Amino acid sequence: MLPKNIRDLRYRAFYGLLLRRGYPLETLCAPGSICPWTICTAGLNSQSIVYSAGVGSDISFEHELVKKFRCRIVLIDPSPTGVKTMSLPENKIPEFTHYPVALAGRNGALNFALLDPKGDSWFAQQESPAKHEVPCTDLQSLMKQNGHDHIDFLKLDIEGCEYEVIEDVLQRRLPVAQIAVEYHHGIVPGITRGQTIRSMLSLIVRGYKLLCQEGANHTFFRAVRN
């Protein structure tokens, strides 16, 4: 195995080749938030269709989106943490619509387990002593349910399910203009950096440009819909 400093240099060079400049970027979150996201603001407005998969315990980013663009947001999270967050009075606003389902590459059910017994992040796991079964849906089905024929901005913070969702989006050629995704290699057990690289390259081959990479968070943009 290559020494860590050599591996880090290789990945910095890899991102240096992929990152594209010249797009209007803005980081949105509340002061002190644990979930900042840097996105491309081009084309986002009050009519934009926004889907945010992965609520967790902090949706200050989504609140900032509403403040800035006056858009409506479909929030997706079936975990006990996400459901609790969406039940808070400050999150009961008309711009938010919450679906307590997991976003996946198929319809059916998933077994959720705590990523850390002392934490509040849940991930899909086939076998776990702390299984919590939740319904899941693919993105196309949820779009049809909402009468949407495209998505202007999609956020994916779904603890490992992002890979199958992105694959499904590309296979179905769903018209999603911008994808902000947290990749979970090294975070969720069994997920490798190689899976992340393959997912990134599959997006780039389909015309998406990598505009920002901050730790595990990546923002991809495609000006022309599929």
C-alpha atoms as a PDB file:
ATOM      1  CA  MET A   1       0.000   0.000   0.000  1.00  0.00           C
ATOM      2  CA  LEU A   2       1.205   3.499  -0.823  1.00  0.00           C
ATOM      3  CA  PRO A   3       2.238   5.746   2.110  1.00  0.00           C
ATOM      4  CA  LYS A   4      -0.533   8.070   3.311  1.00  0.00           C
ATOM      5  CA  ASN A   5       1.202  11.249   2.107  1.00  0.00           C
ATOM      6  CA  ILE A   6       1.527   9.786  -1.386  1.00  0.00           C
ATOM      7  CA  ARG A   7      -2.127   8.723  -1.397  1.00  0.00           C
ATOM      8  CA  ASP A   8      -3.225  12.169  -0.239  1.00  0.00           C
ATOM      9  CA  LEU A   9      -1.149  13.823  -2.955  1.00  0.00           C
ATOM     10  CA  ARG A  10      -2.678  11.538  -5.554  1.00  0.00           C
ATOM     11  CA  TYR A  11      -6.220  12.403  -4.489  1.00  0.00           C
ATOM     12  CA  ARG A  12      -5.477  16.138  -4.415  1.00  0.00           C
ATOM     13  CA  ALA A  13      -4.213  15.837  -7.983  1.00  0.00           C
ATOM     14  CA  PHE A  14      -7.330  13.843  -8.902  1.00  0.00           C
ATOM     15  CA  TYR A  15      -9.651  16.546  -7.579  1.00  0.00           C
ATOM     16  CA  GLY A  16      -7.519  19.260  -9.113  1.00  0.00           C
ATOM     17  CA  LEU A  17      -8.169  17.756 -12.527  1.00  0.00           C
ATOM     18  CA  LEU A  18     -11.929  17.389 -11.996  1.00  0.00           C
ATOM     19  CA  LEU A  19     -12.911  20.637 -10.276  1.00  0.00           C
ATOM     20  CA  ARG A  20     -14.368  23.343 -12.523  1.00  0.00           C
ATOM     21  CA  ARG A  21     -14.214  27.050 -11.710  1.00  0.00           C
ATOM     22  CA  GLY A  22     -16.223  30.070 -12.752  1.00  0.00           C
ATOM     23  CA  TYR A  23     -19.635  29.078 -11.360  1.00  0.00           C
ATOM     24  CA  PRO A  24     -21.497  31.131  -8.707  1.00  0.00           C
ATOM     25  CA  LEU A  25     -21.096  29.208  -5.469  1.00  0.00           C
ATOM     26  CA  GLU A  26     -22.442  29.951  -2.014  1.00  0.00           C
ATOM     27  CA  THR A  27     -22.206  28.101   1.293  1.00  0.00           C
ATOM     28  CA  LEU A  28     -25.509  27.972   3.147  1.00  0.00           C
ATOM     29  CA  CYS A  29     -26.105  27.047   6.783  1.00  0.00           C
ATOM     30  CA  ALA A  30     -26.883  28.655  10.103  1.00  0.00           C
ATOM     31  CA  PRO A  31     -23.999  29.856  12.309  1.00  0.00           C
ATOM     32  CA  GLY A  32     -22.511  26.862  14.087  1.00  0.00           C
ATOM     33  CA  SER A  33     -24.326  24.344  11.900  1.00  0.00           C
ATOM     34  CA  ILE A  34     -22.814  20.892  11.493  1.00  0.00           C
ATOM     35  CA  CYS A  35     -24.224  20.604   7.968  1.00  0.00           C
ATOM     36  CA  PRO A  36     -22.971  23.390   5.672  1.00  0.00           C
ATOM     37  CA  TRP A  37     -23.358  22.851   1.926  1.00  0.00           C
ATOM     38  CA  THR A  38     -21.751  24.781  -0.916  1.00  0.00           C
ATOM     39  CA  ILE A  39     -24.041  24.915  -3.937  1.00  0.00           C
ATOM     40  CA  CYS A  40     -24.311  26.586  -7.319  1.00  0.00           C
ATOM     41  CA  THR A  41     -26.900  29.361  -7.130  1.00  0.00           C
ATOM     42  CA  ALA A  42     -27.349  29.659 -10.900  1.00  0.00           C
ATOM     43  CA  GLY A  43     -30.998  29.194 -11.884  1.00  0.00           C
ATOM     44  CA  LEU A  44     -32.359  28.665  -8.369  1.00  0.00           C
ATOM     45  CA  ASN A  45     -35.465  30.705  -7.543  1.00  0.00           C
ATOM     46  CA  SER A  46     -38.916  30.479  -5.965  1.00  0.00           C
ATOM     47  CA  GLN A  47     -40.093  28.092  -8.691  1.00  0.00           C
ATOM     48  CA  SER A  48     -37.199  25.667  -8.270  1.00  0.00           C
ATOM     49  CA  ILE A  49     -37.981  22.044  -7.442  1.00  0.00           C
ATOM     50  CA  VAL A  50     -35.778  20.983  -4.531  1.00  0.00           C
ATOM     51  CA  TYR A  51     -35.459  17.529  -2.962  1.00  0.00           C
ATOM     52  CA  SER A  52     -33.423  16.998   0.201  1.00  0.00           C
ATOM     53  CA  ALA A  53     -32.790  13.401   1.229  1.00  0.00           C
ATOM     54  CA  GLY A  54     -31.401  13.037   4.717  1.00  0.00           C
ATOM     55  CA  VAL A  55     -32.829  15.257   7.440  1.00  0.00           C
ATOM     56  CA  GLY A  56     -30.896  14.078  10.481  1.00  0.00           C
ATOM     57  CA  SER A  57     -30.770  16.530  13.367  1.00  0.00           C
ATOM     58  CA  ASP A  58     -29.917  19.709  11.422  1.00  0.00           C
ATOM     59  CA  ILE A  59     -31.870  21.262   8.551  1.00  0.00           C
ATOM     60  CA  SER A  60     -30.535  24.796   8.851  1.00  0.00           C
ATOM     61  CA  PHE A  61     -29.292  24.432   5.260  1.00  0.00           C
ATOM     62  CA  GLU A  62     -32.843  23.849   4.065  1.00  0.00           C
ATOM     63  CA  HIS A  63     -34.090  26.823   6.073  1.00  0.00           C
ATOM     64  CA  GLU A  64     -31.417  28.978   4.434  1.00  0.00           C
ATOM     65  CA  LEU A  65     -32.522  27.760   0.995  1.00  0.00           C
ATOM     66  CA  VAL A  66     -36.072  28.880   1.778  1.00  0.00           C
ATOM     67  CA  LYS A  67     -34.888  32.264   3.046  1.00  0.00           C
ATOM     68  CA  LYS A  68     -32.711  32.909   0.001  1.00  0.00           C
ATOM     69  CA  PHE A  69     -34.833  31.511  -2.826  1.00  0.00           C
ATOM     70  CA  ARG A  70     -38.377  31.214  -1.358  1.00  0.00           C
ATOM     71  CA  CYS A  71     -38.511  27.707  -2.806  1.00  0.00           C
ATOM     72  CA  ARG A  72     -40.468  24.706  -1.573  1.00  0.00           C
ATOM     73  CA  ILE A  73     -38.523  21.639  -0.479  1.00  0.00           C
ATOM     74  CA  VAL A  74     -39.390  17.950  -0.387  1.00  0.00           C
ATOM     75  CA  LEU A  75     -37.555  16.468   2.620  1.00  0.00           C
ATOM     76  CA  ILE A  76     -37.002  12.720   2.802  1.00  0.00           C
ATOM     77  CA  ASP A  77     -36.007  10.808   5.936  1.00  0.00           C
ATOM     78  CA  PRO A  78     -37.676   7.899   7.775  1.00  0.00           C
ATOM     79  CA  SER A  79     -35.187   7.612  10.627  1.00  0.00           C
ATOM     80  CA  PRO A  80     -36.250   8.301  14.221  1.00  0.00           C
ATOM     81  CA  THR A  81     -33.819  11.230  14.219  1.00  0.00           C
ATOM     82  CA  GLY A  82     -35.257  12.732  11.040  1.00  0.00           C
ATOM     83  CA  VAL A  83     -38.861  12.253  12.126  1.00  0.00           C
ATOM     84  CA  LYS A  84     -38.104  13.910  15.464  1.00  0.00           C
ATOM     85  CA  THR A  85     -36.432  16.858  13.721  1.00  0.00           C
ATOM     86  CA  MET A  86     -39.376  17.374  11.367  1.00  0.00           C
ATOM     87  CA  SER A  87     -41.803  17.327  14.319  1.00  0.00           C
ATOM     88  CA  LEU A  88     -40.210  20.431  15.835  1.00  0.00           C
ATOM     89  CA  PRO A  89     -42.432  23.536  15.660  1.00  0.00           C
ATOM     90  CA  GLU A  90     -39.805  25.594  13.807  1.00  0.00           C
ATOM     91  CA  ASN A  91     -39.793  23.019  11.005  1.00  0.00           C
ATOM     92  CA  LYS A  92     -43.558  23.105  10.487  1.00  0.00           C
ATOM     93  CA  ILE A  93     -43.460  25.664   7.693  1.00  0.00           C
ATOM     94  CA  PRO A  94     -45.477  25.583   4.447  1.00  0.00           C
ATOM     95  CA  GLU A  95     -42.322  25.407   2.320  1.00  0.00           C
ATOM     96  CA  PHE A  96     -41.411  21.991   3.788  1.00  0.00           C
ATOM     97  CA  THR A  97     -43.045  18.696   2.825  1.00  0.00           C
ATOM     98  CA  HIS A  98     -41.673  15.690   4.692  1.00  0.00           C
ATOM     99  CA  TYR A  99     -41.850  12.080   3.510  1.00  0.00           C
ATOM    100  CA  PRO A 100     -40.862   9.524   6.195  1.00  0.00           C
ATOM    101  CA  VAL A 101     -39.379   7.123   3.650  1.00  0.00           C
ATOM    102  CA  ALA A 102     -35.812   6.232   2.689  1.00  0.00           C
ATOM    103  CA  LEU A 103     -34.546   7.275  -0.723  1.00  0.00           C
ATOM    104  CA  ALA A 104     -32.979   4.289  -2.472  1.00  0.00           C
ATOM    105  CA  GLY A 105     -32.573   2.788  -5.921  1.00  0.00           C
ATOM    106  CA  ARG A 106     -35.758   0.748  -5.607  1.00  0.00           C
ATOM    107  CA  ASN A 107     -39.138   0.549  -3.923  1.00  0.00           C
ATOM    108  CA  GLY A 108     -39.625  -1.709  -0.923  1.00  0.00           C
ATOM    109  CA  ALA A 109     -38.113  -1.692   2.550  1.00  0.00           C
ATOM    110  CA  LEU A 110     -34.724  -1.207   4.194  1.00  0.00           C
ATOM    111  CA  ASN A 111     -33.330  -2.215   7.553  1.00  0.00           C
ATOM    112  CA  PHE A 112     -31.899   0.789   9.374  1.00  0.00           C
ATOM    113  CA  ALA A 113     -29.324   0.657  12.148  1.00  0.00           C
ATOM    114  CA  LEU A 114     -27.502   3.301  14.154  1.00  0.00           C
ATOM    115  CA  LEU A 115     -24.132   4.142  12.643  1.00  0.00           C
ATOM    116  CA  ASP A 116     -22.823   4.829  16.140  1.00  0.00           C
ATOM    117  CA  PRO A 117     -24.689   3.450  19.193  1.00  0.00           C
ATOM    118  CA  LYS A 118     -24.083   6.805  20.914  1.00  0.00           C
ATOM    119  CA  GLY A 119     -25.035   8.917  17.891  1.00  0.00           C
ATOM    120  CA  ASP A 120     -28.155   9.744  15.910  1.00  0.00           C
ATOM    121  CA  SER A 121     -27.164   8.807  12.341  1.00  0.00           C
ATOM    122  CA  TRP A 122     -28.916   5.824  10.769  1.00  0.00           C
ATOM    123  CA  PHE A 123     -27.819   3.762   7.775  1.00  0.00           C
ATOM    124  CA  ALA A 124     -29.174   0.868   5.742  1.00  0.00           C
ATOM    125  CA  GLN A 125     -27.847  -2.494   6.864  1.00  0.00           C
ATOM    126  CA  GLN A 126     -29.102  -5.931   5.914  1.00  0.00           C
ATOM    127  CA  GLU A 127     -28.209  -7.656   9.170  1.00  0.00           C
ATOM    128  CA  SER A 128     -28.134  -5.825  12.459  1.00  0.00           C
ATOM    129  CA  PRO A 129     -29.106  -6.601  16.055  1.00  0.00           C
ATOM    130  CA  ALA A 130     -30.805  -3.187  16.151  1.00  0.00           C
ATOM    131  CA  LYS A 131     -32.853  -3.382  12.975  1.00  0.00           C
ATOM    132  CA  HIS A 132     -35.462  -0.758  12.291  1.00  0.00           C
ATOM    133  CA  GLU A 133     -37.387  -1.485   9.094  1.00  0.00           C
ATOM    134  CA  VAL A 134     -38.468   1.509   7.034  1.00  0.00           C
ATOM    135  CA  PRO A 135     -40.153   1.888   3.636  1.00  0.00           C
ATOM    136  CA  CYS A 136     -37.980   3.011   0.734  1.00  0.00           C
ATOM    137  CA  THR A 137     -38.684   4.553  -2.639  1.00  0.00           C
ATOM    138  CA  ASP A 138     -36.763   5.393  -5.774  1.00  0.00           C
ATOM    139  CA  LEU A 139     -36.558   9.010  -6.891  1.00  0.00           C
ATOM    140  CA  GLN A 140     -38.681   8.610 -10.011  1.00  0.00           C
ATOM    141  CA  SER A 141     -41.596   7.216  -7.992  1.00  0.00           C
ATOM    142  CA  LEU A 142     -41.435  10.123  -5.558  1.00  0.00           C
ATOM    143  CA  MET A 143     -41.273  12.631  -8.413  1.00  0.00           C
ATOM    144  CA  LYS A 144     -44.375  11.085  -9.977  1.00  0.00           C
ATOM    145  CA  GLN A 145     -46.158  11.225  -6.621  1.00  0.00           C
ATOM    146  CA  ASN A 146     -45.457  14.953  -6.472  1.00  0.00           C
ATOM    147  CA  GLY A 147     -46.190  15.660 -10.142  1.00  0.00           C
ATOM    148  CA  HIS A 148     -42.608  16.729 -10.891  1.00  0.00           C
ATOM    149  CA  ASP A 149     -40.947  16.108 -14.261  1.00  0.00           C
ATOM    150  CA  HIS A 150     -37.516  17.412 -13.212  1.00  0.00           C
ATOM    151  CA  ILE A 151     -35.489  18.455 -10.171  1.00  0.00           C
ATOM    152  CA  ASP A 152     -33.455  21.636  -9.996  1.00  0.00           C
ATOM    153  CA  PHE A 153     -31.510  20.707  -6.875  1.00  0.00           C
ATOM    154  CA  LEU A 154     -31.083  17.355  -5.127  1.00  0.00           C
ATOM    155  CA  LYS A 155     -29.252  16.934  -1.826  1.00  0.00           C
ATOM    156  CA  LEU A 156     -28.157  13.436  -0.809  1.00  0.00           C
ATOM    157  CA  ASP A 157     -26.960  12.865   2.748  1.00  0.00           C
ATOM    158  CA  ILE A 158     -28.244   9.324   3.124  1.00  0.00           C
ATOM    159  CA  GLU A 159     -25.473   7.357   4.828  1.00  0.00           C
ATOM    160  CA  GLY A 160     -24.389   5.072   1.985  1.00  0.00           C
ATOM    161  CA  CYS A 161     -27.547   4.875  -0.147  1.00  0.00           C
ATOM    162  CA  GLU A 162     -26.251   7.734  -2.314  1.00  0.00           C
ATOM    163  CA  TYR A 163     -24.437   5.314  -4.630  1.00  0.00           C
ATOM    164  CA  GLU A 164     -27.531   3.394  -5.685  1.00  0.00           C
ATOM    165  CA  VAL A 165     -29.619   6.567  -5.933  1.00  0.00           C
ATOM    166  CA  ILE A 166     -27.096   8.225  -8.267  1.00  0.00           C
ATOM    167  CA  GLU A 167     -26.853   5.065 -10.340  1.00  0.00           C
ATOM    168  CA  ASP A 168     -30.641   4.953 -10.594  1.00  0.00           C
ATOM    169  CA  VAL A 169     -30.821   8.644 -11.592  1.00  0.00           C
ATOM    170  CA  LEU A 170     -28.304   8.076 -14.370  1.00  0.00           C
ATOM    171  CA  GLN A 171     -29.818   4.831 -15.599  1.00  0.00           C
ATOM    172  CA  ARG A 172     -33.292   6.335 -15.810  1.00  0.00           C
ATOM    173  CA  ARG A 173     -31.896   9.609 -17.218  1.00  0.00           C
ATOM    174  CA  LEU A 174     -33.840  11.597 -14.660  1.00  0.00           C
ATOM    175  CA  PRO A 175     -33.502  15.349 -15.313  1.00  0.00           C
ATOM    176  CA  VAL A 176     -31.695  16.528 -12.191  1.00  0.00           C
ATOM    177  CA  ALA A 177     -29.725  19.740 -12.745  1.00  0.00           C
ATOM    178  CA  GLN A 178     -27.656  19.840  -9.541  1.00  0.00           C
ATOM    179  CA  ILE A 179     -26.648  17.156  -7.062  1.00  0.00           C
ATOM    180  CA  ALA A 180     -24.997  17.880  -3.710  1.00  0.00           C
ATOM    181  CA  VAL A 181     -23.913  14.583  -2.192  1.00  0.00           C
ATOM    182  CA  GLU A 182     -22.029  13.443   0.866  1.00  0.00           C
ATOM    183  CA  TYR A 183     -20.109  10.295  -0.022  1.00  0.00           C
ATOM    184  CA  HIS A 184     -19.673   7.886   2.872  1.00  0.00           C
ATOM    185  CA  HIS A 185     -16.552   5.843   2.123  1.00  0.00           C
ATOM    186  CA  GLY A 186     -14.592   5.492   5.336  1.00  0.00           C
ATOM    187  CA  ILE A 187     -17.708   6.446   7.309  1.00  0.00           C
ATOM    188  CA  VAL A 188     -20.234   3.668   6.644  1.00  0.00           C
ATOM    189  CA  PRO A 189     -18.818   0.133   7.043  1.00  0.00           C
ATOM    190  CA  GLY A 190     -18.034  -1.662   3.788  1.00  0.00           C
ATOM    191  CA  ILE A 191     -17.971   1.382   1.517  1.00  0.00           C
ATOM    192  CA  THR A 192     -14.682   2.019  -0.257  1.00  0.00           C
ATOM    193  CA  ARG A 193     -13.115   5.101  -1.811  1.00  0.00           C
ATOM    194  CA  GLY A 194     -13.222   3.214  -5.108  1.00  0.00           C
ATOM    195  CA  GLN A 195     -17.038   3.264  -5.020  1.00  0.00           C
ATOM    196  CA  THR A 196     -16.950   7.029  -4.589  1.00  0.00           C
ATOM    197  CA  ILE A 197     -14.537   7.507  -7.477  1.00  0.00           C
ATOM    198  CA  ARG A 198     -16.666   5.333  -9.763  1.00  0.00           C
ATOM    199  CA  SER A 199     -19.798   7.266  -8.777  1.00  0.00           C
ATOM    200  CA  MET A 200     -18.092  10.603  -9.440  1.00  0.00           C
ATOM    201  CA  LEU A 201     -16.795   9.500 -12.814  1.00  0.00           C
ATOM    202  CA  SER A 202     -20.203   8.149 -13.844  1.00  0.00           C
ATOM    203  CA  LEU A 203     -21.689  11.605 -13.172  1.00  0.00           C
ATOM    204  CA  ILE A 204     -18.939  13.351 -15.099  1.00  0.00           C
ATOM    205  CA  VAL A 205     -19.332  11.011 -18.076  1.00  0.00           C
ATOM    206  CA  ARG A 206     -23.009  11.997 -18.166  1.00  0.00           C
ATOM    207  CA  GLY A 207     -22.156  15.696 -18.401  1.00  0.00           C
ATOM    208  CA  TYR A 208     -22.073  16.791 -14.763  1.00  0.00           C
ATOM    209  CA  LYS A 209     -19.268  19.091 -13.631  1.00  0.00           C
ATOM    210  CA  LEU A 210     -17.724  18.862 -10.189  1.00  0.00           C
ATOM    211  CA  LEU A 211     -17.919  22.411  -8.813  1.00  0.00           C
ATOM    212  CA  CYS A 212     -16.992  21.900  -5.184  1.00  0.00           C
ATOM    213  CA  GLN A 213     -15.436  19.299  -2.899  1.00  0.00           C
ATOM    214  CA  GLU A 214     -15.234  19.966   0.825  1.00  0.00           C
ATOM    215  CA  GLY A 215     -14.344  16.837   2.753  1.00  0.00           C
ATOM    216  CA  ALA A 216     -16.982  14.227   1.914  1.00  0.00           C
ATOM    217  CA  ASN A 217     -19.368  16.796   0.388  1.00  0.00           C
ATOM    218  CA  HIS A 218     -19.387  17.117  -3.404  1.00  0.00           C
ATOM    219  CA  THR A 219     -21.469  19.407  -5.606  1.00  0.00           C
ATOM    220  CA  PHE A 220     -22.175  18.485  -9.229  1.00  0.00           C
ATOM    221  CA  PHE A 221     -23.918  20.695 -11.757  1.00  0.00           C
ATOM    222  CA  ARG A 222     -25.304  20.108 -15.208  1.00  0.00           C
ATOM    223  CA  ALA A 223     -26.720  23.132 -16.997  1.00  0.00           C
ATOM    224  CA  VAL A 224     -28.697  21.169 -19.585  1.00  0.00           C
ATOM    225  CA  ARG A 225     -31.327  18.754 -18.333  1.00  0.00           C
ATOM    226  CA  ASN A 226     -31.280  15.110 -19.528  1.00  0.00           C
END
